[in-house]
Amino acid sequence: MKATELTTEIKDLNLTYLMLAQQMVLADKDMAIFRLGVSKDIADVLEVLSLSQILKLANSNMMLCRIRFDDSLVFGMLTDYSKEKLMSQSHAAILLAGQPAEEIA
């Protein structure tokens, strides 16, 4: 994949993520904070972004979202396809809920 293609894919991902995140915050802020792993301050910002602001933010060549699990144990639980998949996913959700929310730097 060429650098220009990669940059385009990142921008598309950013736009999709920001639009989804804003929809989630508008629908149920508390659930969005939990599912997105963001702080209330970030949720408040997402809630009031205009379409032009979202487009400007999305145009960055840096990914605006990140994979929340840095722990191979959590990653393993989320990708486990055994009979106890529901239990593994529930356990992973509990572990992710215990991680601190992202803060505005």
PDB file of N, CA and C in Angstrom:
ATOM      1  N   MET A   1       0.843  -1.173   0.000  1.00  0.00           N
ATOM      2  CA  MET A   1       0.000   0.000   0.000  1.00  0.00           C
ATOM      3  C   MET A   1       0.891   1.239   0.000  1.00  0.00           C
ATOM      4  N   LYS A   2       0.585   2.141  -0.893  1.00  0.00           N
ATOM      5  CA  LYS A   2       1.364   3.373  -1.005  1.00  0.00           C
ATOM      6  C   LYS A   2       1.020   4.323   0.133  1.00  0.00           C
ATOM      7  N   ALA A   3       1.916   5.262   0.399  1.00  0.00           N
ATOM      8  CA  ALA A   3       1.713   6.226   1.475  1.00  0.00           C
ATOM      9  C   ALA A   3       0.455   7.059   1.259  1.00  0.00           C
ATOM     10  N   THR A   4       0.185   7.430   0.015  1.00  0.00           N
ATOM     11  CA  THR A   4      -1.009   8.242  -0.254  1.00  0.00           C
ATOM     12  C   THR A   4      -2.291   7.437  -0.014  1.00  0.00           C
ATOM     13  N   GLU A   5      -2.250   6.160  -0.357  1.00  0.00           N
ATOM     14  CA  GLU A   5      -3.406   5.300  -0.095  1.00  0.00           C
ATOM     15  C   GLU A   5      -3.623   5.135   1.396  1.00  0.00           C
ATOM     16  N   LEU A   6      -2.539   4.971   2.135  1.00  0.00           N
ATOM     17  CA  LEU A   6      -2.617   4.818   3.580  1.00  0.00           C
ATOM     18  C   LEU A   6      -3.186   6.077   4.225  1.00  0.00           C
ATOM     19  N   THR A   7      -2.737   7.232   3.783  1.00  0.00           N
ATOM     20  CA  THR A   7      -3.249   8.500   4.311  1.00  0.00           C
ATOM     21  C   THR A   7      -4.738   8.640   4.020  1.00  0.00           C
ATOM     22  N   THR A   8      -5.158   8.263   2.840  1.00  0.00           N
ATOM     23  CA  THR A   8      -6.574   8.326   2.486  1.00  0.00           C
ATOM     24  C   THR A   8      -7.402   7.399   3.366  1.00  0.00           C
ATOM     25  N   GLU A   9      -6.898   6.200   3.605  1.00  0.00           N
ATOM     26  CA  GLU A   9      -7.600   5.243   4.471  1.00  0.00           C
ATOM     27  C   GLU A   9      -7.709   5.774   5.892  1.00  0.00           C
ATOM     28  N   ILE A  10      -6.658   6.394   6.399  1.00  0.00           N
ATOM     29  CA  ILE A  10      -6.683   6.969   7.751  1.00  0.00           C
ATOM     30  C   ILE A  10      -7.720   8.081   7.828  1.00  0.00           C
ATOM     31  N   LYS A  11      -7.766   8.938   6.831  1.00  0.00           N
ATOM     32  CA  LYS A  11      -8.741  10.034   6.812  1.00  0.00           C
ATOM     33  C   LYS A  11     -10.168   9.483   6.770  1.00  0.00           C
ATOM     34  N   ASP A  12     -10.388   8.434   5.984  1.00  0.00           N
ATOM     35  CA  ASP A  12     -11.712   7.809   5.932  1.00  0.00           C
ATOM     36  C   ASP A  12     -12.086   7.214   7.291  1.00  0.00           C
ATOM     37  N   LEU A  13     -11.134   6.544   7.917  1.00  0.00           N
ATOM     38  CA  LEU A  13     -11.364   5.973   9.241  1.00  0.00           C
ATOM     39  C   LEU A  13     -11.684   7.067  10.248  1.00  0.00           C
ATOM     40  N   ASN A  14     -10.929   8.162  10.212  1.00  0.00           N
ATOM     41  CA  ASN A  14     -11.177   9.274  11.127  1.00  0.00           C
ATOM     42  C   ASN A  14     -12.591   9.821  10.971  1.00  0.00           C
ATOM     43  N   LEU A  15     -13.018  10.009   9.731  1.00  0.00           N
ATOM     44  CA  LEU A  15     -14.355  10.551   9.480  1.00  0.00           C
ATOM     45  C   LEU A  15     -15.427   9.589   9.999  1.00  0.00           C
ATOM     46  N   THR A  16     -15.272   8.324   9.689  1.00  0.00           N
ATOM     47  CA  THR A  16     -16.234   7.318  10.145  1.00  0.00           C
ATOM     48  C   THR A  16     -16.288   7.266  11.662  1.00  0.00           C
ATOM     49  N   TYR A  17     -15.113   7.268  12.287  1.00  0.00           N
ATOM     50  CA  TYR A  17     -15.046   7.205  13.752  1.00  0.00           C
ATOM     51  C   TYR A  17     -15.700   8.427  14.386  1.00  0.00           C
ATOM     52  N   LEU A  18     -15.376   9.612  13.913  1.00  0.00           N
ATOM     53  CA  LEU A  18     -15.936  10.832  14.499  1.00  0.00           C
ATOM     54  C   LEU A  18     -17.452  10.895  14.336  1.00  0.00           C
ATOM     55  N   MET A  19     -17.936  10.499  13.168  1.00  0.00           N
ATOM     56  CA  MET A  19     -19.388  10.522  12.954  1.00  0.00           C
ATOM     57  C   MET A  19     -20.089   9.501  13.852  1.00  0.00           C
ATOM     58  N   LEU A  20     -19.528   8.313  13.965  1.00  0.00           N
ATOM     59  CA  LEU A  20     -20.104   7.296  14.842  1.00  0.00           C
ATOM     60  C   LEU A  20     -20.034   7.737  16.298  1.00  0.00           C
ATOM     61  N   ALA A  21     -18.888   8.257  16.716  1.00  0.00           N
ATOM     62  CA  ALA A  21     -18.720   8.690  18.098  1.00  0.00           C
ATOM     63  C   ALA A  21     -19.727   9.781  18.449  1.00  0.00           C
ATOM     64  N   GLN A  22     -19.916  10.731  17.539  1.00  0.00           N
ATOM     65  CA  GLN A  22     -20.874  11.803  17.805  1.00  0.00           C
ATOM     66  C   GLN A  22     -22.299  11.247  17.896  1.00  0.00           C
ATOM     67  N   GLN A  23     -22.657  10.329  17.004  1.00  0.00           N
ATOM     68  CA  GLN A  23     -23.982   9.703  17.062  1.00  0.00           C
ATOM     69  C   GLN A  23     -24.187   8.986  18.393  1.00  0.00           C
ATOM     70  N   MET A  24     -23.162   8.274  18.835  1.00  0.00           N
ATOM     71  CA  MET A  24     -23.259   7.547  20.093  1.00  0.00           C
ATOM     72  C   MET A  24     -23.446   8.506  21.262  1.00  0.00           C
ATOM     73  N   VAL A  25     -22.687   9.596  21.269  1.00  0.00           N
ATOM     74  CA  VAL A  25     -22.781  10.579  22.356  1.00  0.00           C
ATOM     75  C   VAL A  25     -24.164  11.224  22.367  1.00  0.00           C
ATOM     76  N   LEU A  26     -24.681  11.546  21.201  1.00  0.00           N
ATOM     77  CA  LEU A  26     -25.994  12.172  21.131  1.00  0.00           C
ATOM     78  C   LEU A  26     -27.107  11.211  21.560  1.00  0.00           C
ATOM     79  N   ALA A  27     -26.943   9.935  21.281  1.00  0.00           N
ATOM     80  CA  ALA A  27     -27.957   8.940  21.627  1.00  0.00           C
ATOM     81  C   ALA A  27     -27.951   8.608  23.113  1.00  0.00           C
ATOM     82  N   ASP A  28     -26.764   8.401  23.679  1.00  0.00           N
ATOM     83  CA  ASP A  28     -26.638   8.021  25.098  1.00  0.00           C
ATOM     84  C   ASP A  28     -25.211   8.315  25.542  1.00  0.00           C
ATOM     85  N   LYS A  29     -25.027   9.489  26.150  1.00  0.00           N
ATOM     86  CA  LYS A  29     -23.675   9.955  26.482  1.00  0.00           C
ATOM     87  C   LYS A  29     -22.943   9.003  27.432  1.00  0.00           C
ATOM     88  N   ASP A  30     -23.614   8.524  28.464  1.00  0.00           N
ATOM     89  CA  ASP A  30     -22.946   7.641  29.423  1.00  0.00           C
ATOM     90  C   ASP A  30     -22.473   6.338  28.770  1.00  0.00           C
ATOM     91  N   MET A  31     -23.323   5.762  27.933  1.00  0.00           N
ATOM     92  CA  MET A  31     -22.933   4.525  27.244  1.00  0.00           C
ATOM     93  C   MET A  31     -21.805   4.802  26.258  1.00  0.00           C
ATOM     94  N   ALA A  32     -21.846   5.939  25.583  1.00  0.00           N
ATOM     95  CA  ALA A  32     -20.796   6.293  24.626  1.00  0.00           C
ATOM     96  C   ALA A  32     -19.456   6.459  25.336  1.00  0.00           C
ATOM     97  N   ILE A  33     -19.470   7.108  26.480  1.00  0.00           N
ATOM     98  CA  ILE A  33     -18.236   7.282  27.258  1.00  0.00           C
ATOM     99  C   ILE A  33     -17.648   5.921  27.596  1.00  0.00           C
ATOM    100  N   PHE A  34     -18.505   5.002  28.023  1.00  0.00           N
ATOM    101  CA  PHE A  34     -18.058   3.659  28.374  1.00  0.00           C
ATOM    102  C   PHE A  34     -17.545   2.901  27.148  1.00  0.00           C
ATOM    103  N   ARG A  35     -18.311   2.887  26.071  1.00  0.00           N
ATOM    104  CA  ARG A  35     -17.943   2.097  24.889  1.00  0.00           C
ATOM    105  C   ARG A  35     -16.767   2.677  24.117  1.00  0.00           C
ATOM    106  N   LEU A  36     -16.674   4.002  24.075  1.00  0.00           N
ATOM    107  CA  LEU A  36     -15.573   4.633  23.349  1.00  0.00           C
ATOM    108  C   LEU A  36     -14.307   4.734  24.199  1.00  0.00           C
ATOM    109  N   GLY A  37     -14.466   4.653  25.516  1.00  0.00           N
ATOM    110  CA  GLY A  37     -13.312   4.776  26.402  1.00  0.00           C
ATOM    111  C   GLY A  37     -12.773   6.198  26.450  1.00  0.00           C
ATOM    112  N   VAL A  38     -13.691   7.169  26.383  1.00  0.00           N
ATOM    113  CA  VAL A  38     -13.284   8.572  26.432  1.00  0.00           C
ATOM    114  C   VAL A  38     -13.800   9.203  27.714  1.00  0.00           C
ATOM    115  N   SER A  39     -13.248  10.350  28.043  1.00  0.00           N
ATOM    116  CA  SER A  39     -13.693  11.065  29.237  1.00  0.00           C
ATOM    117  C   SER A  39     -14.957  11.852  28.935  1.00  0.00           C
ATOM    118  N   LYS A  40     -15.590  12.360  29.977  1.00  0.00           N
ATOM    119  CA  LYS A  40     -16.782  13.200  29.810  1.00  0.00           C
ATOM    120  C   LYS A  40     -16.426  14.461  29.039  1.00  0.00           C
ATOM    121  N   ASP A  41     -15.233  15.020  29.277  1.00  0.00           N
ATOM    122  CA  ASP A  41     -14.813  16.226  28.564  1.00  0.00           C
ATOM    123  C   ASP A  41     -14.755  15.992  27.054  1.00  0.00           C
ATOM    124  N   ILE A  42     -14.206  14.865  26.655  1.00  0.00           N
ATOM    125  CA  ILE A  42     -14.121  14.553  25.224  1.00  0.00           C
ATOM    126  C   ILE A  42     -15.519  14.299  24.666  1.00  0.00           C
ATOM    127  N   ALA A  43     -16.364  13.616  25.425  1.00  0.00           N
ATOM    128  CA  ALA A  43     -17.741  13.388  24.977  1.00  0.00           C
ATOM    129  C   ALA A  43     -18.473  14.718  24.795  1.00  0.00           C
ATOM    130  N   ASP A  44     -18.230  15.670  25.695  1.00  0.00           N
ATOM    131  CA  ASP A  44     -18.857  16.992  25.573  1.00  0.00           C
ATOM    132  C   ASP A  44     -18.404  17.701  24.295  1.00  0.00           C
ATOM    133  N   VAL A  45     -17.131  17.556  23.955  1.00  0.00           N
ATOM    134  CA  VAL A  45     -16.616  18.164  22.722  1.00  0.00           C
ATOM    135  C   VAL A  45     -17.230  17.484  21.502  1.00  0.00           C
ATOM    136  N   LEU A  46     -17.262  16.158  21.509  1.00  0.00           N
ATOM    137  CA  LEU A  46     -17.849  15.414  20.393  1.00  0.00           C
ATOM    138  C   LEU A  46     -19.309  15.798  20.169  1.00  0.00           C
ATOM    139  N   GLU A  47     -20.004  16.058  21.245  1.00  0.00           N
ATOM    140  CA  GLU A  47     -21.432  16.358  21.175  1.00  0.00           C
ATOM    141  C   GLU A  47     -21.731  17.645  20.391  1.00  0.00           C
ATOM    142  N   VAL A  48     -20.842  18.605  20.466  1.00  0.00           N
ATOM    143  CA  VAL A  48     -21.130  19.917  19.875  1.00  0.00           C
ATOM    144  C   VAL A  48     -20.358  20.199  18.584  1.00  0.00           C
ATOM    145  N   LEU A  49     -19.598  19.238  18.095  1.00  0.00           N
ATOM    146  CA  LEU A  49     -18.849  19.463  16.860  1.00  0.00           C
ATOM    147  C   LEU A  49     -19.792  19.669  15.679  1.00  0.00           C
ATOM    148  N   SER A  50     -19.501  20.668  14.876  1.00  0.00           N
ATOM    149  CA  SER A  50     -20.266  20.878  13.645  1.00  0.00           C
ATOM    150  C   SER A  50     -19.712  19.942  12.572  1.00  0.00           C
ATOM    151  N   LEU A  51     -20.452  19.802  11.484  1.00  0.00           N
ATOM    152  CA  LEU A  51     -19.992  18.947  10.385  1.00  0.00           C
ATOM    153  C   LEU A  51     -18.666  19.449   9.821  1.00  0.00           C
ATOM    154  N   SER A  52     -18.523  20.758   9.694  1.00  0.00           N
ATOM    155  CA  SER A  52     -17.260  21.288   9.162  1.00  0.00           C
ATOM    156  C   SER A  52     -16.100  21.017  10.118  1.00  0.00           C
ATOM    157  N   GLN A  53     -16.343  21.061  11.412  1.00  0.00           N
ATOM    158  CA  GLN A  53     -15.289  20.744  12.384  1.00  0.00           C
ATOM    159  C   GLN A  53     -14.911  19.264  12.310  1.00  0.00           C
ATOM    160  N   ILE A  54     -15.910  18.414  12.150  1.00  0.00           N
ATOM    161  CA  ILE A  54     -15.637  16.977  12.013  1.00  0.00           C
ATOM    162  C   ILE A  54     -14.803  16.722  10.765  1.00  0.00           C
ATOM    163  N   LEU A  55     -15.158  17.366   9.665  1.00  0.00           N
ATOM    164  CA  LEU A  55     -14.400  17.188   8.424  1.00  0.00           C
ATOM    165  C   LEU A  55     -12.963  17.674   8.573  1.00  0.00           C
ATOM    166  N   LYS A  56     -12.761  18.793   9.258  1.00  0.00           N
ATOM    167  CA  LYS A  56     -11.402  19.306   9.475  1.00  0.00           C
ATOM    168  C   LYS A  56     -10.590  18.352  10.344  1.00  0.00           C
ATOM    169  N   LEU A  57     -11.206  17.861  11.412  1.00  0.00           N
ATOM    170  CA  LEU A  57     -10.507  16.908  12.278  1.00  0.00           C
ATOM    171  C   LEU A  57     -10.174  15.619  11.533  1.00  0.00           C
ATOM    172  N   ALA A  58     -11.117  15.135  10.759  1.00  0.00           N
ATOM    173  CA  ALA A  58     -10.936  13.869  10.036  1.00  0.00           C
ATOM    174  C   ALA A  58      -9.843  13.963   8.989  1.00  0.00           C
ATOM    175  N   ASN A  59      -9.559  15.146   8.522  1.00  0.00           N
ATOM    176  CA  ASN A  59      -8.573  15.342   7.457  1.00  0.00           C
ATOM    177  C   ASN A  59      -7.127  15.173   7.940  1.00  0.00           C
ATOM    178  N   SER A  60      -6.933  14.833   9.184  1.00  0.00           N
ATOM    179  CA  SER A  60      -5.593  14.610   9.722  1.00  0.00           C
ATOM    180  C   SER A  60      -5.019  13.299   9.183  1.00  0.00           C
ATOM    181  N   ASN A  61      -3.697  13.251   9.025  1.00  0.00           N
ATOM    182  CA  ASN A  61      -3.075  12.001   8.596  1.00  0.00           C
ATOM    183  C   ASN A  61      -2.688  11.124   9.791  1.00  0.00           C
ATOM    184  N   MET A  62      -3.115  11.537  10.983  1.00  0.00           N
ATOM    185  CA  MET A  62      -2.905  10.761  12.213  1.00  0.00           C
ATOM    186  C   MET A  62      -4.231  10.139  12.620  1.00  0.00           C
ATOM    187  N   MET A  63      -4.222   8.879  13.014  1.00  0.00           N
ATOM    188  CA  MET A  63      -5.453   8.230  13.451  1.00  0.00           C
ATOM    189  C   MET A  63      -5.957   8.880  14.730  1.00  0.00           C
ATOM    190  N   LEU A  64      -7.248   9.193  14.767  1.00  0.00           N
ATOM    191  CA  LEU A  64      -7.849   9.839  15.925  1.00  0.00           C
ATOM    192  C   LEU A  64      -8.386   8.836  16.943  1.00  0.00           C
ATOM    193  N   CYS A  65      -8.546   7.593  16.531  1.00  0.00           N
ATOM    194  CA  CYS A  65      -8.956   6.555  17.470  1.00  0.00           C
ATOM    195  C   CYS A  65      -7.772   5.620  17.687  1.00  0.00           C
ATOM    196  N   ARG A  66      -7.884   4.820  18.728  1.00  0.00           N
ATOM    197  CA  ARG A  66      -6.806   3.874  18.988  1.00  0.00           C
ATOM    198  C   ARG A  66      -7.389   2.573  19.503  1.00  0.00           C
ATOM    199  N   ILE A  67      -6.618   1.523  19.387  1.00  0.00           N
ATOM    200  CA  ILE A  67      -7.025   0.249  19.959  1.00  0.00           C
ATOM    201  C   ILE A  67      -6.872   0.370  21.465  1.00  0.00           C
ATOM    202  N   ARG A  68      -7.935   0.106  22.195  1.00  0.00           N
ATOM    203  CA  ARG A  68      -7.947   0.343  23.634  1.00  0.00           C
ATOM    204  C   ARG A  68      -7.232  -0.721  24.445  1.00  0.00           C
ATOM    205  N   PHE A  69      -7.013  -1.884  23.893  1.00  0.00           N
ATOM    206  CA  PHE A  69      -6.412  -2.936  24.692  1.00  0.00           C
ATOM    207  C   PHE A  69      -4.932  -3.085  24.346  1.00  0.00           C
ATOM    208  N   ASP A  70      -4.110  -2.769  25.320  1.00  0.00           N
ATOM    209  CA  ASP A  70      -2.672  -2.923  25.174  1.00  0.00           C
ATOM    210  C   ASP A  70      -2.215  -4.240  25.796  1.00  0.00           C
ATOM    211  N   ASP A  71      -3.145  -4.957  26.312  1.00  0.00           N
ATOM    212  CA  ASP A  71      -2.869  -6.179  27.051  1.00  0.00           C
ATOM    213  C   ASP A  71      -3.212  -7.382  26.173  1.00  0.00           C
ATOM    214  N   SER A  72      -2.268  -8.286  26.004  1.00  0.00           N
ATOM    215  CA  SER A  72      -2.521  -9.457  25.160  1.00  0.00           C
ATOM    216  C   SER A  72      -3.603 -10.353  25.753  1.00  0.00           C
ATOM    217  N   LEU A  73      -3.799 -10.319  27.069  1.00  0.00           N
ATOM    218  CA  LEU A  73      -4.846 -11.108  27.706  1.00  0.00           C
ATOM    219  C   LEU A  73      -6.223 -10.640  27.227  1.00  0.00           C
ATOM    220  N   VAL A  74      -6.445  -9.321  27.219  1.00  0.00           N
ATOM    221  CA  VAL A  74      -7.716  -8.775  26.756  1.00  0.00           C
ATOM    222  C   VAL A  74      -7.897  -9.072  25.272  1.00  0.00           C
ATOM    223  N   PHE A  75      -6.854  -8.898  24.491  1.00  0.00           N
ATOM    224  CA  PHE A  75      -6.922  -9.176  23.055  1.00  0.00           C
ATOM    225  C   PHE A  75      -7.298 -10.638  22.825  1.00  0.00           C
ATOM    226  N   GLY A  76      -6.692 -11.522  23.572  1.00  0.00           N
ATOM    227  CA  GLY A  76      -7.000 -12.948  23.459  1.00  0.00           C
ATOM    228  C   GLY A  76      -8.441 -13.263  23.808  1.00  0.00           C
ATOM    229  N   MET A  77      -8.960 -12.594  24.836  1.00  0.00           N
ATOM    230  CA  MET A  77     -10.352 -12.821  25.231  1.00  0.00           C
ATOM    231  C   MET A  77     -11.323 -12.366  24.148  1.00  0.00           C
ATOM    232  N   LEU A  78     -11.013 -11.248  23.513  1.00  0.00           N
ATOM    233  CA  LEU A  78     -11.908 -10.715  22.489  1.00  0.00           C
ATOM    234  C   LEU A  78     -11.885 -11.540  21.205  1.00  0.00           C
ATOM    235  N   THR A  79     -10.794 -12.229  20.956  1.00  0.00           N
ATOM    236  CA  THR A  79     -10.685 -13.022  19.734  1.00  0.00           C
ATOM    237  C   THR A  79     -10.906 -14.507  19.972  1.00  0.00           C
ATOM    238  N   ASP A  80     -11.269 -14.906  21.188  1.00  0.00           N
ATOM    239  CA  ASP A  80     -11.492 -16.311  21.522  1.00  0.00           C
ATOM    240  C   ASP A  80     -12.814 -16.779  20.911  1.00  0.00           C
ATOM    241  N   TYR A  81     -12.748 -17.820  20.118  1.00  0.00           N
ATOM    242  CA  TYR A  81     -13.940 -18.340  19.465  1.00  0.00           C
ATOM    243  C   TYR A  81     -14.367 -19.688  20.051  1.00  0.00           C
ATOM    244  N   SER A  82     -14.120 -19.894  21.310  1.00  0.00           N
ATOM    245  CA  SER A  82     -14.501 -21.149  21.943  1.00  0.00           C
ATOM    246  C   SER A  82     -15.973 -21.117  22.363  1.00  0.00           C
ATOM    247  N   LYS A  83     -16.412 -22.172  23.033  1.00  0.00           N
ATOM    248  CA  LYS A  83     -17.794 -22.260  23.501  1.00  0.00           C
ATOM    249  C   LYS A  83     -18.122 -21.143  24.497  1.00  0.00           C
ATOM    250  N   GLU A  84     -17.143 -20.695  25.220  1.00  0.00           N
ATOM    251  CA  GLU A  84     -17.375 -19.693  26.260  1.00  0.00           C
ATOM    252  C   GLU A  84     -17.058 -18.288  25.762  1.00  0.00           C
ATOM    253  N   LYS A  85     -17.383 -18.034  24.510  1.00  0.00           N
ATOM    254  CA  LYS A  85     -17.097 -16.740  23.896  1.00  0.00           C
ATOM    255  C   LYS A  85     -17.782 -15.608  24.655  1.00  0.00           C
ATOM    256  N   LEU A  86     -19.043 -15.798  25.018  1.00  0.00           N
ATOM    257  CA  LEU A  86     -19.791 -14.758  25.721  1.00  0.00           C
ATOM    258  C   LEU A  86     -19.124 -14.422  27.050  1.00  0.00           C
ATOM    259  N   MET A  87     -18.680 -15.437  27.763  1.00  0.00           N
ATOM    260  CA  MET A  87     -18.017 -15.208  29.054  1.00  0.00           C
ATOM    261  C   MET A  87     -16.694 -14.478  28.850  1.00  0.00           C
ATOM    262  N   SER A  88     -15.921 -14.850  27.836  1.00  0.00           N
ATOM    263  CA  SER A  88     -14.649 -14.186  27.548  1.00  0.00           C
ATOM    264  C   SER A  88     -14.861 -12.729  27.192  1.00  0.00           C
ATOM    265  N   GLN A  89     -15.865 -12.466  26.364  1.00  0.00           N
ATOM    266  CA  GLN A  89     -16.137 -11.084  25.973  1.00  0.00           C
ATOM    267  C   GLN A  89     -16.622 -10.260  27.159  1.00  0.00           C
ATOM    268  N   SER A  90     -17.421 -10.858  28.027  1.00  0.00           N
ATOM    269  CA  SER A  90     -17.885 -10.148  29.226  1.00  0.00           C
ATOM    270  C   SER A  90     -16.708  -9.822  30.143  1.00  0.00           C
ATOM    271  N   HIS A  91     -15.817 -10.769  30.316  1.00  0.00           N
ATOM    272  CA  HIS A  91     -14.634 -10.548  31.143  1.00  0.00           C
ATOM    273  C   HIS A  91     -13.754  -9.454  30.546  1.00  0.00           C
ATOM    274  N   ALA A  92     -13.591  -9.469  29.228  1.00  0.00           N
ATOM    275  CA  ALA A  92     -12.798  -8.437  28.559  1.00  0.00           C
ATOM    276  C   ALA A  92     -13.444  -7.065  28.737  1.00  0.00           C
ATOM    277  N   ALA A  93     -14.768  -6.994  28.641  1.00  0.00           N
ATOM    278  CA  ALA A  93     -15.472  -5.717  28.829  1.00  0.00           C
ATOM    279  C   ALA A  93     -15.256  -5.184  30.242  1.00  0.00           C
ATOM    280  N   ILE A  94     -15.252  -6.068  31.224  1.00  0.00           N
ATOM    281  CA  ILE A  94     -15.007  -5.660  32.610  1.00  0.00           C
ATOM    282  C   ILE A  94     -13.592  -5.111  32.749  1.00  0.00           C
ATOM    283  N   LEU A  95     -12.619  -5.788  32.140  1.00  0.00           N
ATOM    284  CA  LEU A  95     -11.235  -5.315  32.213  1.00  0.00           C
ATOM    285  C   LEU A  95     -11.074  -3.964  31.504  1.00  0.00           C
ATOM    286  N   LEU A  96     -11.713  -3.800  30.349  1.00  0.00           N
ATOM    287  CA  LEU A  96     -11.639  -2.533  29.623  1.00  0.00           C
ATOM    288  C   LEU A  96     -12.315  -1.405  30.398  1.00  0.00           C
ATOM    289  N   ALA A  97     -13.410  -1.728  31.092  1.00  0.00           N
ATOM    290  CA  ALA A  97     -14.114  -0.713  31.873  1.00  0.00           C
ATOM    291  C   ALA A  97     -13.241  -0.186  33.008  1.00  0.00           C
ATOM    292  N   GLY A  98     -12.315  -0.996  33.465  1.00  0.00           N
ATOM    293  CA  GLY A  98     -11.442  -0.579  34.553  1.00  0.00           C
ATOM    294  C   GLY A  98     -10.292   0.302  34.102  1.00  0.00           C
ATOM    295  N   GLN A  99     -10.095   0.431  32.796  1.00  0.00           N
ATOM    296  CA  GLN A  99      -9.013   1.275  32.287  1.00  0.00           C
ATOM    297  C   GLN A  99      -9.440   2.728  32.382  1.00  0.00           C
ATOM    298  N   PRO A 100      -8.479   3.615  32.640  1.00  0.00           N
ATOM    299  CA  PRO A 100      -8.831   5.044  32.705  1.00  0.00           C
ATOM    300  C   PRO A 100      -9.253   5.555  31.346  1.00  0.00           C
ATOM    301  N   ALA A 101     -10.178   6.519  31.347  1.00  0.00           N
ATOM    302  CA  ALA A 101     -10.647   7.150  30.109  1.00  0.00           C
ATOM    303  C   ALA A 101      -9.566   8.058  29.581  1.00  0.00           C
ATOM    304  N   GLU A 102      -9.618   8.305  28.280  1.00  0.00           N
ATOM    305  CA  GLU A 102      -8.684   9.242  27.646  1.00  0.00           C
ATOM    306  C   GLU A 102      -8.982  10.656  28.131  1.00  0.00           C
ATOM    307  N   GLU A 103      -7.988  11.419  28.322  1.00  0.00           N
ATOM    308  CA  GLU A 103      -8.137  12.799  28.770  1.00  0.00           C
ATOM    309  C   GLU A 103      -7.692  13.751  27.673  1.00  0.00           C
ATOM    310  N   ILE A 104      -8.233  14.954  27.659  1.00  0.00           N
ATOM    311  CA  ILE A 104      -7.775  15.990  26.727  1.00  0.00           C
ATOM    312  C   ILE A 104      -6.426  16.477  27.221  1.00  0.00           C
ATOM    313  N   ALA A 105      -5.428  16.423  26.351  1.00  0.00           N
ATOM    314  CA  ALA A 105      -4.077  16.819  26.755  1.00  0.00           C
ATOM    315  C   ALA A 105      -3.861  18.303  26.595  1.00  0.00           C
TER     316      ALA A 105
END
